Amino acid sequence: MSRVERGRTGYHAGLEAERSVARDYLRRGYKFAAHRFRGSKGEVDLIMRNGDQVIFIEVKQSRTHARAAERLVHRQVLRLFDTASEFVANEPAGQDTNMRMDVAFVDGTGMVEIIENALAA
């Protein structure tokens, strides 16, 4: 498989992982707010709402959940916080918005593992 084909496959696998995670949240009664929200510092894969709470979700996909977890690096976490801050700037409560940062891992079989409030500040 060429580098371009691997990139294309990875891109589509990532999209499907994000869809799977979104469906999980929707089944649990959360409301969809944004997909791949892009701010000036980076991107958040999914943003959901649960009542007045805004949930920012980073989705990582790999063969195993452990390998997916290894792909979340400190620099990326900092970008997630910056981007979340940009998003809530447009919320009625601004930076006082009730929010949390979840991480969702999707393995090669499509099994989803969500760690709520994984990136507490």
N, C-alpha and C. Protein backbone atom coordinates (compact mmCIF):
# COMPACT_ATOMS: atom_id res chain seq x y z
N MET A 1 0.86 -1.18 0.00
CA MET A 1 0.00 0.00 0.00
C MET A 1 0.90 1.24 0.00
N SER A 2 0.60 2.18 -0.87
CA SER A 2 1.40 3.40 -0.96
C SER A 2 1.11 4.32 0.22
N ARG A 3 1.98 5.30 0.39
CA ARG A 3 1.82 6.27 1.46
C ARG A 3 0.50 7.03 1.30
N VAL A 4 0.15 7.39 0.07
CA VAL A 4 -1.10 8.11 -0.20
C VAL A 4 -2.30 7.23 0.17
N GLU A 5 -2.24 5.96 -0.20
CA GLU A 5 -3.35 5.04 0.12
C GLU A 5 -3.48 4.85 1.62
N ARG A 6 -2.35 4.74 2.33
CA ARG A 6 -2.40 4.61 3.80
C ARG A 6 -3.01 5.86 4.42
N GLY A 7 -2.63 7.03 3.89
CA GLY A 7 -3.19 8.28 4.40
C GLY A 7 -4.68 8.37 4.18
N ARG A 8 -5.13 7.95 3.01
CA ARG A 8 -6.55 7.97 2.69
C ARG A 8 -7.31 7.01 3.59
N THR A 9 -6.75 5.82 3.77
CA THR A 9 -7.38 4.81 4.63
C THR A 9 -7.46 5.32 6.07
N GLY A 10 -6.38 5.92 6.55
CA GLY A 10 -6.37 6.47 7.91
C GLY A 10 -7.38 7.58 8.09
N TYR A 11 -7.49 8.44 7.09
CA TYR A 11 -8.45 9.54 7.14
C TYR A 11 -9.88 9.01 7.27
N HIS A 12 -10.21 8.03 6.42
CA HIS A 12 -11.57 7.48 6.46
C HIS A 12 -11.83 6.68 7.74
N ALA A 13 -10.81 5.99 8.24
CA ALA A 13 -10.95 5.26 9.51
C ALA A 13 -11.20 6.26 10.64
N GLY A 14 -10.51 7.39 10.61
CA GLY A 14 -10.72 8.42 11.62
C GLY A 14 -12.11 9.00 11.58
N LEU A 15 -12.61 9.26 10.37
CA LEU A 15 -13.98 9.78 10.23
C LEU A 15 -15.00 8.78 10.78
N GLU A 16 -14.81 7.52 10.45
CA GLU A 16 -15.76 6.50 10.95
C GLU A 16 -15.66 6.37 12.47
N ALA A 17 -14.46 6.47 13.01
CA ALA A 17 -14.30 6.43 14.47
C ALA A 17 -15.06 7.59 15.11
N GLU A 18 -14.94 8.79 14.53
CA GLU A 18 -15.66 9.95 15.06
C GLU A 18 -17.17 9.75 14.98
N ARG A 19 -17.64 9.18 13.89
CA ARG A 19 -19.08 8.90 13.76
C ARG A 19 -19.55 7.91 14.82
N SER A 20 -18.76 6.88 15.06
CA SER A 20 -19.11 5.88 16.08
C SER A 20 -19.21 6.51 17.45
N VAL A 21 -18.26 7.35 17.76
CA VAL A 21 -18.26 8.01 19.07
C VAL A 21 -19.46 8.96 19.17
N ALA A 22 -19.74 9.71 18.11
CA ALA A 22 -20.89 10.62 18.12
C ALA A 22 -22.18 9.84 18.34
N ARG A 23 -22.32 8.70 17.66
CA ARG A 23 -23.53 7.88 17.84
C ARG A 23 -23.66 7.42 19.29
N ASP A 24 -22.56 7.07 19.92
CA ASP A 24 -22.58 6.65 21.32
C ASP A 24 -23.13 7.76 22.21
N TYR A 25 -22.63 8.97 22.02
CA TYR A 25 -23.11 10.11 22.82
C TYR A 25 -24.59 10.39 22.52
N LEU A 26 -24.97 10.37 21.25
CA LEU A 26 -26.36 10.64 20.88
C LEU A 26 -27.31 9.61 21.49
N ARG A 27 -26.90 8.34 21.52
CA ARG A 27 -27.73 7.29 22.14
C ARG A 27 -27.95 7.56 23.63
N ARG A 28 -26.97 8.22 24.23
CA ARG A 28 -27.07 8.52 25.67
C ARG A 28 -27.75 9.86 25.93
N GLY A 29 -28.32 10.47 24.91
CA GLY A 29 -29.12 11.67 25.10
C GLY A 29 -28.38 12.99 24.93
N TYR A 30 -27.12 12.95 24.57
CA TYR A 30 -26.38 14.18 24.33
C TYR A 30 -26.85 14.80 23.02
N LYS A 31 -26.64 16.08 22.87
CA LYS A 31 -26.99 16.81 21.65
C LYS A 31 -25.70 17.17 20.91
N PHE A 32 -25.77 17.04 19.59
CA PHE A 32 -24.62 17.34 18.74
C PHE A 32 -24.43 18.85 18.63
N ALA A 33 -23.20 19.34 18.81
CA ALA A 33 -22.90 20.77 18.69
C ALA A 33 -21.98 21.06 17.51
N ALA A 34 -20.93 20.26 17.32
CA ALA A 34 -20.00 20.52 16.22
C ALA A 34 -19.14 19.29 15.94
N HIS A 35 -18.72 19.19 14.68
CA HIS A 35 -17.81 18.14 14.24
C HIS A 35 -16.59 18.83 13.64
N ARG A 36 -15.42 18.45 14.13
CA ARG A 36 -14.16 19.01 13.65
C ARG A 36 -14.16 20.54 13.70
N PHE A 37 -14.51 21.06 14.88
CA PHE A 37 -14.48 22.51 15.08
C PHE A 37 -13.04 22.99 14.98
N ARG A 38 -12.81 23.96 14.11
CA ARG A 38 -11.47 24.49 13.92
C ARG A 38 -11.38 25.89 14.49
N GLY A 39 -10.42 26.07 15.38
CA GLY A 39 -10.10 27.39 15.92
C GLY A 39 -8.76 27.83 15.37
N SER A 40 -8.24 28.93 15.85
CA SER A 40 -6.97 29.44 15.35
C SER A 40 -5.79 28.59 15.81
N LYS A 41 -5.94 27.83 16.89
CA LYS A 41 -4.83 27.02 17.43
C LYS A 41 -4.93 25.53 17.11
N GLY A 42 -6.09 25.08 16.62
CA GLY A 42 -6.23 23.66 16.35
C GLY A 42 -7.68 23.26 16.12
N GLU A 43 -7.92 21.97 16.31
CA GLU A 43 -9.23 21.40 16.00
C GLU A 43 -9.67 20.48 17.13
N VAL A 44 -10.98 20.46 17.37
CA VAL A 44 -11.59 19.50 18.30
C VAL A 44 -12.45 18.57 17.46
N ASP A 45 -12.28 17.26 17.65
CA ASP A 45 -12.99 16.29 16.81
C ASP A 45 -14.50 16.40 16.94
N LEU A 46 -15.00 16.38 18.17
CA LEU A 46 -16.45 16.43 18.41
C LEU A 46 -16.75 17.36 19.57
N ILE A 47 -17.87 18.05 19.45
CA ILE A 47 -18.38 18.84 20.57
C ILE A 47 -19.84 18.47 20.74
N MET A 48 -20.18 18.07 21.96
CA MET A 48 -21.55 17.66 22.28
C MET A 48 -22.05 18.53 23.43
N ARG A 49 -23.35 18.49 23.65
CA ARG A 49 -23.98 19.21 24.76
C ARG A 49 -24.80 18.23 25.59
N ASN A 50 -24.77 18.46 26.88
CA ASN A 50 -25.60 17.70 27.81
C ASN A 50 -26.17 18.72 28.79
N GLY A 51 -27.38 19.17 28.52
CA GLY A 51 -27.94 20.27 29.32
C GLY A 51 -27.12 21.52 29.06
N ASP A 52 -26.64 22.14 30.13
CA ASP A 52 -25.84 23.37 29.98
C ASP A 52 -24.35 23.07 29.83
N GLN A 53 -23.98 21.81 29.86
CA GLN A 53 -22.56 21.43 29.77
C GLN A 53 -22.14 21.22 28.32
N VAL A 54 -20.95 21.72 27.99
CA VAL A 54 -20.35 21.51 26.67
C VAL A 54 -19.23 20.49 26.84
N ILE A 55 -19.26 19.44 26.02
CA ILE A 55 -18.28 18.35 26.12
C ILE A 55 -17.42 18.36 24.87
N PHE A 56 -16.11 18.51 25.07
CA PHE A 56 -15.14 18.48 23.98
C PHE A 56 -14.54 17.08 23.96
N ILE A 57 -14.53 16.45 22.78
CA ILE A 57 -14.13 15.05 22.69
C ILE A 57 -13.01 14.90 21.67
N GLU A 58 -11.90 14.36 22.13
CA GLU A 58 -10.80 13.99 21.23
C GLU A 58 -10.94 12.51 20.95
N VAL A 59 -10.98 12.14 19.68
CA VAL A 59 -11.14 10.75 19.27
C VAL A 59 -9.81 10.24 18.73
N LYS A 60 -9.38 9.09 19.25
CA LYS A 60 -8.15 8.45 18.79
C LYS A 60 -8.49 7.04 18.34
N GLN A 61 -8.03 6.67 17.15
CA GLN A 61 -8.32 5.37 16.58
C GLN A 61 -7.02 4.65 16.26
N SER A 62 -6.95 3.38 16.65
CA SER A 62 -5.79 2.55 16.32
C SER A 62 -6.20 1.09 16.47
N ARG A 63 -5.26 0.19 16.27
CA ARG A 63 -5.58 -1.24 16.37
C ARG A 63 -6.09 -1.63 17.76
N THR A 64 -5.52 -1.01 18.79
CA THR A 64 -5.96 -1.28 20.16
C THR A 64 -6.21 0.05 20.88
N HIS A 65 -6.95 -0.01 21.95
CA HIS A 65 -7.18 1.21 22.73
C HIS A 65 -5.87 1.74 23.30
N ALA A 66 -4.99 0.85 23.73
CA ALA A 66 -3.70 1.27 24.29
C ALA A 66 -2.88 2.02 23.24
N ARG A 67 -2.85 1.51 22.02
CA ARG A 67 -2.10 2.19 20.95
C ARG A 67 -2.74 3.53 20.62
N ALA A 68 -4.06 3.58 20.68
CA ALA A 68 -4.74 4.85 20.42
C ALA A 68 -4.37 5.87 21.50
N ALA A 69 -4.31 5.43 22.75
CA ALA A 69 -3.97 6.32 23.86
C ALA A 69 -2.55 6.88 23.70
N GLU A 70 -1.66 6.09 23.17
CA GLU A 70 -0.27 6.54 22.96
C GLU A 70 -0.19 7.69 21.96
N ARG A 71 -1.20 7.84 21.14
CA ARG A 71 -1.19 8.86 20.10
C ARG A 71 -1.62 10.23 20.60
N LEU A 72 -2.04 10.33 21.85
CA LEU A 72 -2.45 11.61 22.42
C LEU A 72 -1.23 12.20 23.14
N VAL A 73 -0.68 13.27 22.57
CA VAL A 73 0.54 13.86 23.12
C VAL A 73 0.23 15.19 23.81
N HIS A 74 1.12 15.60 24.69
CA HIS A 74 0.93 16.79 25.52
C HIS A 74 0.65 18.04 24.68
N ARG A 75 1.41 18.24 23.63
CA ARG A 75 1.24 19.42 22.78
C ARG A 75 -0.18 19.48 22.20
N GLN A 76 -0.71 18.32 21.84
CA GLN A 76 -2.06 18.25 21.30
C GLN A 76 -3.10 18.61 22.38
N VAL A 77 -2.87 18.15 23.59
CA VAL A 77 -3.78 18.47 24.69
C VAL A 77 -3.84 19.98 24.91
N LEU A 78 -2.69 20.63 24.86
CA LEU A 78 -2.68 22.08 25.01
C LEU A 78 -3.47 22.77 23.90
N ARG A 79 -3.33 22.29 22.67
CA ARG A 79 -4.10 22.86 21.55
C ARG A 79 -5.60 22.63 21.75
N LEU A 80 -5.97 21.47 22.30
CA LEU A 80 -7.39 21.20 22.57
C LEU A 80 -7.96 22.21 23.56
N PHE A 81 -7.22 22.50 24.62
CA PHE A 81 -7.69 23.47 25.60
C PHE A 81 -7.83 24.86 24.97
N ASP A 82 -6.86 25.25 24.15
CA ASP A 82 -6.94 26.55 23.49
C ASP A 82 -8.15 26.63 22.56
N THR A 83 -8.39 25.57 21.81
CA THR A 83 -9.51 25.55 20.86
C THR A 83 -10.85 25.53 21.60
N ALA A 84 -10.92 24.78 22.70
CA ALA A 84 -12.14 24.76 23.51
C ALA A 84 -12.42 26.16 24.06
N SER A 85 -11.38 26.84 24.48
CA SER A 85 -11.54 28.20 24.99
C SER A 85 -12.10 29.13 23.92
N GLU A 86 -11.64 28.95 22.69
CA GLU A 86 -12.18 29.75 21.58
C GLU A 86 -13.66 29.44 21.37
N PHE A 87 -14.03 28.17 21.43
CA PHE A 87 -15.43 27.78 21.22
C PHE A 87 -16.34 28.41 22.27
N VAL A 88 -15.97 28.30 23.54
CA VAL A 88 -16.85 28.80 24.60
C VAL A 88 -16.89 30.32 24.67
N ALA A 89 -15.96 30.97 24.01
CA ALA A 89 -16.00 32.44 23.97
C ALA A 89 -17.30 32.93 23.36
N ASN A 90 -17.93 32.09 22.52
CA ASN A 90 -19.20 32.46 21.89
C ASN A 90 -20.42 31.91 22.64
N GLU A 91 -20.20 31.26 23.75
CA GLU A 91 -21.30 30.75 24.58
C GLU A 91 -21.80 31.87 25.49
N PRO A 92 -23.08 31.81 25.91
CA PRO A 92 -23.62 32.87 26.78
C PRO A 92 -22.80 33.10 28.05
N ALA A 93 -22.28 32.03 28.66
CA ALA A 93 -21.49 32.18 29.89
C ALA A 93 -20.00 32.37 29.61
N GLY A 94 -19.62 32.38 28.35
CA GLY A 94 -18.21 32.59 27.99
C GLY A 94 -17.30 31.56 28.65
N GLN A 95 -16.21 32.03 29.22
CA GLN A 95 -15.23 31.13 29.84
C GLN A 95 -15.76 30.47 31.11
N ASP A 96 -16.90 30.94 31.62
CA ASP A 96 -17.52 30.31 32.78
C ASP A 96 -18.46 29.17 32.39
N THR A 97 -18.47 28.81 31.11
CA THR A 97 -19.32 27.71 30.62
C THR A 97 -18.94 26.41 31.33
N ASN A 98 -19.95 25.66 31.72
CA ASN A 98 -19.75 24.34 32.31
C ASN A 98 -19.25 23.41 31.19
N MET A 99 -18.04 22.91 31.31
CA MET A 99 -17.49 22.08 30.24
C MET A 99 -16.61 20.98 30.80
N ARG A 100 -16.36 19.99 29.93
CA ARG A 100 -15.41 18.94 30.27
C ARG A 100 -14.75 18.45 28.99
N MET A 101 -13.62 17.77 29.16
CA MET A 101 -12.84 17.23 28.04
C MET A 101 -12.80 15.72 28.16
N ASP A 102 -13.40 15.04 27.20
CA ASP A 102 -13.40 13.58 27.15
C ASP A 102 -12.41 13.10 26.09
N VAL A 103 -11.96 11.88 26.26
CA VAL A 103 -11.15 11.22 25.24
C VAL A 103 -11.87 9.92 24.89
N ALA A 104 -11.97 9.64 23.59
CA ALA A 104 -12.61 8.41 23.13
C ALA A 104 -11.60 7.62 22.31
N PHE A 105 -11.44 6.35 22.64
CA PHE A 105 -10.56 5.46 21.90
C PHE A 105 -11.41 4.48 21.12
N VAL A 106 -11.02 4.24 19.87
CA VAL A 106 -11.72 3.28 19.02
C VAL A 106 -10.68 2.30 18.50
N ASP A 107 -10.92 1.01 18.75
CA ASP A 107 -9.94 0.01 18.31
C ASP A 107 -10.27 -0.50 16.91
N GLY A 108 -9.45 -1.41 16.42
CA GLY A 108 -9.58 -1.93 15.07
C GLY A 108 -10.87 -2.67 14.81
N THR A 109 -11.56 -3.10 15.86
CA THR A 109 -12.84 -3.79 15.68
C THR A 109 -14.03 -2.83 15.77
N GLY A 110 -13.73 -1.54 16.06
CA GLY A 110 -14.80 -0.55 16.19
C GLY A 110 -15.32 -0.37 17.61
N MET A 111 -14.72 -1.07 18.57
CA MET A 111 -15.12 -0.94 19.97
C MET A 111 -14.71 0.44 20.49
N VAL A 112 -15.67 1.12 21.11
CA VAL A 112 -15.45 2.47 21.62
C VAL A 112 -15.26 2.43 23.13
N GLU A 113 -14.23 3.13 23.60
CA GLU A 113 -14.01 3.32 25.04
C GLU A 113 -13.92 4.83 25.29
N ILE A 114 -14.80 5.33 26.14
CA ILE A 114 -14.82 6.76 26.43
C ILE A 114 -14.37 6.99 27.86
N ILE A 115 -13.44 7.93 28.01
CA ILE A 115 -12.99 8.34 29.34
C ILE A 115 -13.49 9.76 29.54
N GLU A 116 -14.52 9.89 30.37
CA GLU A 116 -15.11 11.20 30.62
C GLU A 116 -14.20 12.02 31.52
N ASN A 117 -14.13 13.31 31.22
CA ASN A 117 -13.33 14.26 31.99
C ASN A 117 -11.87 13.82 32.09
N ALA A 118 -11.38 13.18 31.04
CA ALA A 118 -10.01 12.67 31.02
C ALA A 118 -8.97 13.77 31.07
N LEU A 119 -9.30 14.93 30.56
CA LEU A 119 -8.34 16.02 30.47
C LEU A 119 -8.73 17.17 31.37
N ALA A 120 -9.01 16.87 32.62
CA ALA A 120 -9.41 17.90 33.57
C ALA A 120 -8.25 18.86 33.78
N ALA A 121 -8.57 20.15 33.77
CA ALA A 121 -7.53 21.18 33.95
C ALA A 121 -7.18 21.32 35.41
